């Protein structure tokens, strides 16, 4: 794989502000709240050249996942019904579960690796991960691959 073809999954807090503003400008253009790149760039506080420089290099995670498998690892309490609650969230987002692997709990914690297929009717995967992160008994959720 060539260097320019590599992709990384990072959290929002690790992204420079200019890139987040490019995403916001793209959202404004797509929603037709503004009609020109100049208006969008001005609204979010970046130059047009910054917009054009980065517009093809950043996008929200869920924009480019349809038809792909996403694998994430969750560290959770070893508590009856918690895995079921997590799977219920996945079902509500209409992601197709491909594989589930739960480790043997150690010191009251279990690691669950879950691969899901993102279909055309699957809702926002990043929102799904955020909802899982917010569950009681969940210690961490990390996306480890997107194929």
N, C-alpha and C. Protein backbone atom coordinates (compact mmCIF):
# COMPACT_ATOMS: atom_id res chain seq x y z
N UNK A 1 0.85 -1.18 0.00
CA UNK A 1 0.00 0.00 0.00
C UNK A 1 0.89 1.24 0.00
N UNK A 2 0.63 2.15 -0.92
CA UNK A 2 1.40 3.39 -0.99
C UNK A 2 1.08 4.28 0.21
N UNK A 3 2.05 5.09 0.60
CA UNK A 3 1.89 5.96 1.76
C UNK A 3 0.65 6.83 1.64
N UNK A 4 0.35 7.41 0.48
CA UNK A 4 -0.79 8.29 0.35
C UNK A 4 -2.12 7.55 0.39
N UNK A 5 -2.09 6.22 0.31
CA UNK A 5 -3.32 5.43 0.34
C UNK A 5 -3.66 4.90 1.73
N UNK A 6 -2.85 5.20 2.73
CA UNK A 6 -3.12 4.71 4.08
C UNK A 6 -4.20 5.54 4.73
N UNK A 7 -5.00 4.86 5.54
CA UNK A 7 -6.07 5.51 6.28
C UNK A 7 -5.85 5.27 7.76
N UNK A 8 -6.29 6.23 8.57
CA UNK A 8 -6.17 6.12 10.01
C UNK A 8 -7.51 6.47 10.62
N UNK A 9 -7.84 5.82 11.71
CA UNK A 9 -9.03 6.18 12.46
C UNK A 9 -8.53 6.88 13.72
N UNK A 10 -8.92 8.14 13.89
CA UNK A 10 -8.51 8.90 15.06
C UNK A 10 -9.76 9.52 15.69
N UNK A 11 -9.65 9.85 16.95
CA UNK A 11 -10.78 10.50 17.60
C UNK A 11 -10.79 11.98 17.24
N UNK A 12 -11.94 12.59 17.41
CA UNK A 12 -12.13 14.00 17.05
C UNK A 12 -11.12 14.90 17.76
N UNK A 13 -10.80 14.60 19.02
CA UNK A 13 -9.91 15.47 19.77
C UNK A 13 -8.48 15.47 19.21
N UNK A 14 -8.12 14.50 18.38
CA UNK A 14 -6.78 14.43 17.80
C UNK A 14 -6.67 15.14 16.45
N UNK A 15 -7.79 15.66 15.95
CA UNK A 15 -7.81 16.27 14.62
C UNK A 15 -7.62 17.78 14.73
N UNK A 16 -6.70 18.33 13.92
CA UNK A 16 -6.52 19.79 13.94
C UNK A 16 -7.83 20.52 13.58
N UNK A 17 -7.99 21.69 14.18
CA UNK A 17 -9.23 22.45 14.01
C UNK A 17 -9.54 22.75 12.55
N UNK A 18 -8.54 23.03 11.74
CA UNK A 18 -8.79 23.36 10.33
C UNK A 18 -9.48 22.20 9.62
N UNK A 19 -9.10 20.96 9.95
CA UNK A 19 -9.73 19.81 9.30
C UNK A 19 -11.18 19.64 9.73
N UNK A 20 -11.45 19.90 11.00
CA UNK A 20 -12.84 19.85 11.47
C UNK A 20 -13.68 20.91 10.78
N UNK A 21 -13.09 22.06 10.53
CA UNK A 21 -13.81 23.14 9.82
C UNK A 21 -14.06 22.77 8.36
N UNK A 22 -13.14 22.04 7.75
CA UNK A 22 -13.36 21.57 6.38
C UNK A 22 -14.56 20.62 6.34
N UNK A 23 -14.65 19.72 7.32
CA UNK A 23 -15.79 18.80 7.39
C UNK A 23 -17.09 19.59 7.55
N UNK A 24 -17.08 20.61 8.40
CA UNK A 24 -18.27 21.43 8.61
C UNK A 24 -18.64 22.19 7.33
N UNK A 25 -17.65 22.71 6.62
CA UNK A 25 -17.92 23.41 5.36
C UNK A 25 -18.54 22.46 4.33
N UNK A 26 -18.03 21.23 4.27
CA UNK A 26 -18.59 20.24 3.35
C UNK A 26 -20.04 19.93 3.72
N UNK A 27 -20.31 19.84 5.03
CA UNK A 27 -21.68 19.57 5.48
C UNK A 27 -22.61 20.72 5.08
N UNK A 28 -22.14 21.95 5.21
CA UNK A 28 -22.95 23.11 4.82
C UNK A 28 -23.26 23.08 3.33
N UNK A 29 -22.26 22.74 2.52
CA UNK A 29 -22.48 22.67 1.07
C UNK A 29 -23.46 21.55 0.71
N UNK A 30 -23.32 20.39 1.36
CA UNK A 30 -24.22 19.27 1.08
C UNK A 30 -25.65 19.57 1.50
N UNK A 31 -25.81 20.31 2.59
CA UNK A 31 -27.15 20.63 3.07
C UNK A 31 -27.77 21.80 2.33
N UNK A 32 -26.97 22.41 1.46
CA UNK A 32 -27.40 23.56 0.65
C UNK A 32 -27.76 24.76 1.51
N UNK A 33 -27.21 24.83 2.73
CA UNK A 33 -27.40 26.03 3.55
C UNK A 33 -26.58 27.18 2.99
N UNK A 34 -25.51 26.85 2.29
CA UNK A 34 -24.72 27.83 1.55
C UNK A 34 -24.55 27.28 0.14
N UNK A 35 -24.33 28.16 -0.82
CA UNK A 35 -24.29 27.72 -2.21
C UNK A 35 -22.88 27.67 -2.80
N UNK A 36 -21.92 28.39 -2.21
CA UNK A 36 -20.58 28.42 -2.79
C UNK A 36 -19.54 28.00 -1.76
N UNK A 37 -18.40 27.55 -2.26
CA UNK A 37 -17.28 27.19 -1.39
C UNK A 37 -16.83 28.43 -0.61
N UNK A 38 -16.83 29.58 -1.27
CA UNK A 38 -16.43 30.82 -0.60
C UNK A 38 -17.32 31.07 0.62
N UNK A 39 -18.65 30.94 0.45
CA UNK A 39 -19.58 31.14 1.57
C UNK A 39 -19.35 30.13 2.68
N UNK A 40 -19.16 28.88 2.31
CA UNK A 40 -18.96 27.83 3.31
C UNK A 40 -17.67 28.07 4.09
N UNK A 41 -16.60 28.37 3.38
CA UNK A 41 -15.31 28.61 4.04
C UNK A 41 -15.39 29.82 4.96
N UNK A 42 -16.03 30.86 4.49
CA UNK A 42 -16.18 32.07 5.30
C UNK A 42 -17.02 31.79 6.55
N UNK A 43 -18.08 31.03 6.40
CA UNK A 43 -18.97 30.72 7.52
C UNK A 43 -18.24 29.97 8.63
N UNK A 44 -17.37 29.02 8.27
CA UNK A 44 -16.67 28.23 9.28
C UNK A 44 -15.33 28.83 9.70
N UNK A 45 -14.89 29.87 8.98
CA UNK A 45 -13.66 30.56 9.39
C UNK A 45 -12.37 29.98 8.85
N UNK A 46 -12.40 29.48 7.61
CA UNK A 46 -11.17 29.02 6.96
C UNK A 46 -11.07 29.66 5.58
N UNK A 47 -9.90 29.57 4.98
CA UNK A 47 -9.72 30.10 3.63
C UNK A 47 -10.22 29.08 2.60
N UNK A 48 -10.54 29.56 1.41
CA UNK A 48 -10.95 28.64 0.34
C UNK A 48 -9.81 27.68 0.01
N UNK A 49 -8.57 28.18 0.06
CA UNK A 49 -7.43 27.32 -0.27
C UNK A 49 -7.32 26.17 0.74
N UNK A 50 -7.59 26.44 2.02
CA UNK A 50 -7.58 25.35 3.02
C UNK A 50 -8.66 24.33 2.70
N UNK A 51 -9.84 24.82 2.33
CA UNK A 51 -10.93 23.91 1.98
C UNK A 51 -10.50 22.99 0.83
N UNK A 52 -10.00 23.60 -0.26
CA UNK A 52 -9.62 22.79 -1.42
C UNK A 52 -8.43 21.88 -1.12
N UNK A 53 -7.53 22.32 -0.26
CA UNK A 53 -6.36 21.51 0.08
C UNK A 53 -6.75 20.22 0.78
N UNK A 54 -7.75 20.28 1.67
CA UNK A 54 -8.09 19.13 2.52
C UNK A 54 -9.42 18.45 2.21
N UNK A 55 -10.23 18.99 1.32
CA UNK A 55 -11.60 18.50 1.13
C UNK A 55 -11.69 17.02 0.76
N UNK A 56 -10.69 16.50 0.06
CA UNK A 56 -10.73 15.09 -0.34
C UNK A 56 -10.02 14.18 0.65
N UNK A 57 -9.46 14.78 1.71
CA UNK A 57 -8.66 14.00 2.66
C UNK A 57 -9.33 13.75 4.00
N UNK A 58 -10.47 14.37 4.25
CA UNK A 58 -11.14 14.16 5.54
C UNK A 58 -12.64 14.03 5.30
N UNK A 59 -13.22 13.11 6.04
CA UNK A 59 -14.66 12.89 5.97
C UNK A 59 -15.08 12.23 7.26
N UNK A 60 -16.32 12.42 7.67
CA UNK A 60 -16.79 11.71 8.86
C UNK A 60 -16.68 10.21 8.64
N UNK A 61 -16.38 9.50 9.69
CA UNK A 61 -16.16 8.05 9.60
C UNK A 61 -17.29 7.33 8.89
N UNK A 62 -18.52 7.65 9.23
CA UNK A 62 -19.67 6.93 8.68
C UNK A 62 -19.89 7.17 7.20
N UNK A 63 -19.33 8.26 6.62
CA UNK A 63 -19.54 8.56 5.21
C UNK A 63 -18.92 7.52 4.29
N UNK A 64 -17.90 6.83 4.75
CA UNK A 64 -17.16 5.94 3.86
C UNK A 64 -17.16 4.50 4.37
N UNK A 65 -18.19 4.09 5.08
CA UNK A 65 -18.21 2.73 5.63
C UNK A 65 -19.24 1.82 5.01
N UNK A 66 -20.17 2.34 4.23
CA UNK A 66 -21.23 1.51 3.66
C UNK A 66 -20.63 0.36 2.85
N UNK A 67 -21.15 -0.84 3.09
CA UNK A 67 -20.67 -2.02 2.37
C UNK A 67 -19.37 -2.57 2.91
N UNK A 68 -18.93 -2.10 4.05
CA UNK A 68 -17.66 -2.53 4.62
C UNK A 68 -17.88 -3.19 5.98
N UNK A 69 -16.85 -3.89 6.40
CA UNK A 69 -16.88 -4.48 7.74
C UNK A 69 -16.07 -3.59 8.66
N UNK A 70 -16.61 -3.35 9.84
CA UNK A 70 -15.94 -2.56 10.86
C UNK A 70 -15.77 -3.47 12.07
N UNK A 71 -14.55 -3.51 12.60
CA UNK A 71 -14.27 -4.34 13.77
C UNK A 71 -13.86 -3.43 14.92
N UNK A 72 -14.47 -3.68 16.07
CA UNK A 72 -14.09 -2.91 17.25
C UNK A 72 -13.97 -3.82 18.46
N UNK A 73 -13.15 -3.36 19.41
CA UNK A 73 -12.90 -4.09 20.63
C UNK A 73 -13.47 -3.30 21.79
N UNK A 74 -14.19 -3.98 22.64
CA UNK A 74 -14.81 -3.36 23.80
C UNK A 74 -14.33 -4.06 25.07
N UNK A 75 -13.94 -3.27 26.05
CA UNK A 75 -13.63 -3.82 27.37
C UNK A 75 -14.82 -3.49 28.26
N UNK A 76 -15.39 -4.55 28.86
CA UNK A 76 -16.62 -4.37 29.62
C UNK A 76 -16.58 -5.18 30.91
N UNK A 77 -17.45 -4.78 31.83
CA UNK A 77 -17.59 -5.55 33.07
C UNK A 77 -18.16 -6.92 32.74
N UNK A 78 -17.75 -7.91 33.51
CA UNK A 78 -18.32 -9.25 33.39
C UNK A 78 -19.63 -9.27 34.17
N UNK A 79 -20.68 -8.85 33.48
CA UNK A 79 -21.97 -8.69 34.14
C UNK A 79 -23.05 -9.29 33.25
N UNK A 80 -23.93 -10.07 33.86
CA UNK A 80 -25.00 -10.72 33.11
C UNK A 80 -25.84 -9.70 32.36
N UNK A 81 -26.06 -9.95 31.07
CA UNK A 81 -26.93 -9.10 30.25
C UNK A 81 -26.24 -7.94 29.56
N UNK A 82 -24.99 -7.64 29.93
CA UNK A 82 -24.31 -6.49 29.33
C UNK A 82 -24.01 -6.71 27.85
N UNK A 83 -23.53 -7.89 27.49
CA UNK A 83 -23.28 -8.19 26.08
C UNK A 83 -24.58 -8.14 25.30
N UNK A 84 -25.65 -8.64 25.86
CA UNK A 84 -26.95 -8.59 25.22
C UNK A 84 -27.38 -7.15 24.95
N UNK A 85 -27.15 -6.26 25.93
CA UNK A 85 -27.49 -4.85 25.75
C UNK A 85 -26.66 -4.21 24.62
N UNK A 86 -25.38 -4.56 24.57
CA UNK A 86 -24.51 -4.06 23.50
C UNK A 86 -25.02 -4.52 22.14
N UNK A 87 -25.35 -5.80 22.03
CA UNK A 87 -25.84 -6.34 20.76
C UNK A 87 -27.18 -5.73 20.36
N UNK A 88 -27.98 -5.37 21.35
CA UNK A 88 -29.25 -4.70 21.08
C UNK A 88 -29.01 -3.34 20.42
N UNK A 89 -28.00 -2.61 20.88
CA UNK A 89 -27.65 -1.32 20.25
C UNK A 89 -27.22 -1.55 18.81
N UNK A 90 -26.38 -2.56 18.58
CA UNK A 90 -25.94 -2.87 17.21
C UNK A 90 -27.14 -3.16 16.32
N UNK A 91 -28.09 -3.93 16.83
CA UNK A 91 -29.30 -4.26 16.07
C UNK A 91 -30.12 -3.00 15.79
N UNK A 92 -30.23 -2.10 16.77
CA UNK A 92 -30.98 -0.86 16.56
C UNK A 92 -30.38 0.02 15.46
N UNK A 93 -29.07 -0.07 15.28
CA UNK A 93 -28.41 0.71 14.22
C UNK A 93 -28.40 -0.03 12.89
N UNK A 94 -28.98 -1.22 12.87
CA UNK A 94 -29.13 -2.04 11.67
C UNK A 94 -27.79 -2.45 11.05
N UNK A 95 -26.80 -2.69 11.90
CA UNK A 95 -25.53 -3.24 11.43
C UNK A 95 -25.63 -4.76 11.50
N UNK A 96 -25.12 -5.43 10.50
CA UNK A 96 -25.17 -6.88 10.43
C UNK A 96 -23.98 -7.46 11.17
N UNK A 97 -24.22 -8.23 12.22
CA UNK A 97 -23.13 -8.81 13.00
C UNK A 97 -22.50 -9.96 12.22
N UNK A 98 -21.19 -9.87 12.02
CA UNK A 98 -20.44 -10.91 11.31
C UNK A 98 -19.79 -11.88 12.28
N UNK A 99 -19.08 -11.35 13.28
CA UNK A 99 -18.43 -12.21 14.27
C UNK A 99 -18.49 -11.56 15.64
N UNK A 100 -18.51 -12.41 16.65
CA UNK A 100 -18.43 -11.97 18.05
C UNK A 100 -17.43 -12.89 18.74
N UNK A 101 -16.48 -12.30 19.44
CA UNK A 101 -15.55 -13.10 20.23
C UNK A 101 -15.43 -12.45 21.60
N UNK A 102 -15.77 -13.20 22.64
CA UNK A 102 -15.62 -12.70 24.01
C UNK A 102 -14.55 -13.51 24.71
N UNK A 103 -13.60 -12.79 25.31
CA UNK A 103 -12.54 -13.46 26.06
C UNK A 103 -13.08 -13.99 27.38
N UNK A 104 -12.31 -14.86 27.99
CA UNK A 104 -12.65 -15.32 29.34
C UNK A 104 -12.42 -14.13 30.27
N UNK A 105 -13.39 -13.79 31.10
CA UNK A 105 -13.23 -12.63 31.99
C UNK A 105 -12.06 -12.81 32.96
N UNK A 106 -11.30 -11.74 33.15
CA UNK A 106 -10.19 -11.72 34.08
C UNK A 106 -10.37 -10.49 34.97
N UNK A 107 -10.34 -10.71 36.28
CA UNK A 107 -10.51 -9.61 37.24
C UNK A 107 -11.80 -8.83 37.00
N UNK A 108 -12.85 -9.53 36.60
CA UNK A 108 -14.15 -8.91 36.43
C UNK A 108 -14.35 -8.16 35.13
N UNK A 109 -13.36 -8.26 34.21
CA UNK A 109 -13.48 -7.58 32.91
C UNK A 109 -13.39 -8.58 31.78
N UNK A 110 -14.17 -8.35 30.73
CA UNK A 110 -14.13 -9.19 29.54
C UNK A 110 -13.86 -8.30 28.33
N UNK A 111 -13.15 -8.85 27.37
CA UNK A 111 -12.90 -8.16 26.11
C UNK A 111 -13.78 -8.79 25.04
N UNK A 112 -14.52 -7.96 24.33
CA UNK A 112 -15.39 -8.44 23.26
C UNK A 112 -14.92 -7.81 21.96
N UNK A 113 -14.62 -8.67 20.99
CA UNK A 113 -14.27 -8.20 19.64
C UNK A 113 -15.49 -8.46 18.77
N UNK A 114 -15.96 -7.43 18.10
CA UNK A 114 -17.18 -7.51 17.33
C UNK A 114 -16.93 -6.97 15.93
N UNK A 115 -17.26 -7.75 14.91
CA UNK A 115 -17.18 -7.29 13.53
C UNK A 115 -18.60 -7.15 13.00
N UNK A 116 -18.88 -6.00 12.41
CA UNK A 116 -20.20 -5.75 11.85
C UNK A 116 -20.06 -5.30 10.40
N UNK A 117 -21.05 -5.67 9.61
CA UNK A 117 -21.12 -5.20 8.23
C UNK A 117 -22.03 -3.98 8.18
N UNK A 118 -21.54 -2.93 7.57
CA UNK A 118 -22.31 -1.70 7.45
C UNK A 118 -23.06 -1.77 6.13
N UNK A 119 -24.39 -1.85 6.23
CA UNK A 119 -25.22 -1.98 5.04
C UNK A 119 -25.81 -0.62 4.65
N UNK A 120 -26.52 -0.59 3.54
CA UNK A 120 -27.09 0.68 3.07
C UNK A 120 -28.05 1.31 4.06
N UNK A 121 -28.79 0.48 4.82
CA UNK A 121 -29.74 1.03 5.78
C UNK A 121 -29.17 1.15 7.19
N UNK A 122 -27.86 0.87 7.35
CA UNK A 122 -27.23 1.01 8.67
C UNK A 122 -27.12 2.49 9.01
N UNK A 123 -27.47 2.80 10.24
CA UNK A 123 -27.36 4.18 10.70
C UNK A 123 -25.90 4.52 11.01
N UNK A 124 -25.64 5.72 11.45
CA UNK A 124 -24.31 6.26 11.69
C UNK A 124 -23.51 5.39 12.67
N UNK A 125 -22.46 4.75 12.17
CA UNK A 125 -21.64 3.85 12.98
C UNK A 125 -20.92 4.61 14.10
N UNK A 126 -20.47 5.82 13.83
CA UNK A 126 -19.78 6.56 14.89
C UNK A 126 -20.75 6.87 16.04
N UNK A 127 -22.01 7.13 15.73
CA UNK A 127 -23.02 7.35 16.79
C UNK A 127 -23.26 6.06 17.56
N UNK A 128 -23.23 4.93 16.86
CA UNK A 128 -23.41 3.65 17.52
C UNK A 128 -22.27 3.41 18.53
N UNK A 129 -21.04 3.67 18.11
CA UNK A 129 -19.89 3.49 18.99
C UNK A 129 -20.00 4.42 20.20
N UNK A 130 -20.42 5.66 19.97
CA UNK A 130 -20.59 6.61 21.08
C UNK A 130 -21.65 6.11 22.06
N UNK A 131 -22.74 5.55 21.54
CA UNK A 131 -23.78 5.04 22.42
C UNK A 131 -23.27 3.86 23.24
N UNK A 132 -22.50 2.99 22.61
CA UNK A 132 -21.92 1.85 23.34
C UNK A 132 -20.95 2.37 24.41
N UNK A 133 -20.13 3.36 24.06
CA UNK A 133 -19.20 3.93 25.04
C UNK A 133 -19.92 4.50 26.26
N UNK A 134 -21.13 4.99 26.05
CA UNK A 134 -21.90 5.59 27.13
C UNK A 134 -22.63 4.60 28.02
N UNK A 135 -22.60 3.32 27.66
CA UNK A 135 -23.29 2.31 28.44
C UNK A 135 -22.63 2.11 29.80
N UNK A 136 -23.44 1.87 30.82
CA UNK A 136 -22.92 1.50 32.13
C UNK A 136 -22.21 0.16 31.99
N UNK A 137 -21.02 0.05 32.55
CA UNK A 137 -20.27 -1.20 32.50
C UNK A 137 -19.29 -1.30 31.35
N UNK A 138 -19.30 -0.32 30.45
CA UNK A 138 -18.35 -0.31 29.33
C UNK A 138 -17.16 0.56 29.72
N UNK A 139 -15.96 0.01 29.61
CA UNK A 139 -14.76 0.74 29.98
C UNK A 139 -14.09 1.40 28.79
N UNK A 140 -14.12 0.76 27.63
CA UNK A 140 -13.53 1.36 26.42
C UNK A 140 -14.07 0.68 25.18
N UNK A 141 -14.08 1.45 24.09
CA UNK A 141 -14.44 0.94 22.77
C UNK A 141 -13.43 1.50 21.80
N UNK A 142 -12.78 0.64 21.05
CA UNK A 142 -11.79 1.06 20.06
C UNK A 142 -12.08 0.42 18.73
N UNK A 143 -12.17 1.23 17.68
CA UNK A 143 -12.32 0.69 16.33
C UNK A 143 -10.93 0.26 15.90
N UNK A 144 -10.80 -1.02 15.51
CA UNK A 144 -9.48 -1.52 15.14
C UNK A 144 -9.32 -1.76 13.65
N UNK A 145 -10.41 -1.86 12.90
CA UNK A 145 -10.25 -2.01 11.46
C UNK A 145 -11.53 -1.66 10.73
N UNK A 146 -11.34 -1.35 9.46
CA UNK A 146 -12.43 -1.12 8.54
C UNK A 146 -11.98 -1.73 7.23
N UNK A 147 -12.70 -2.71 6.75
CA UNK A 147 -12.27 -3.43 5.55
C UNK A 147 -13.24 -3.21 4.42
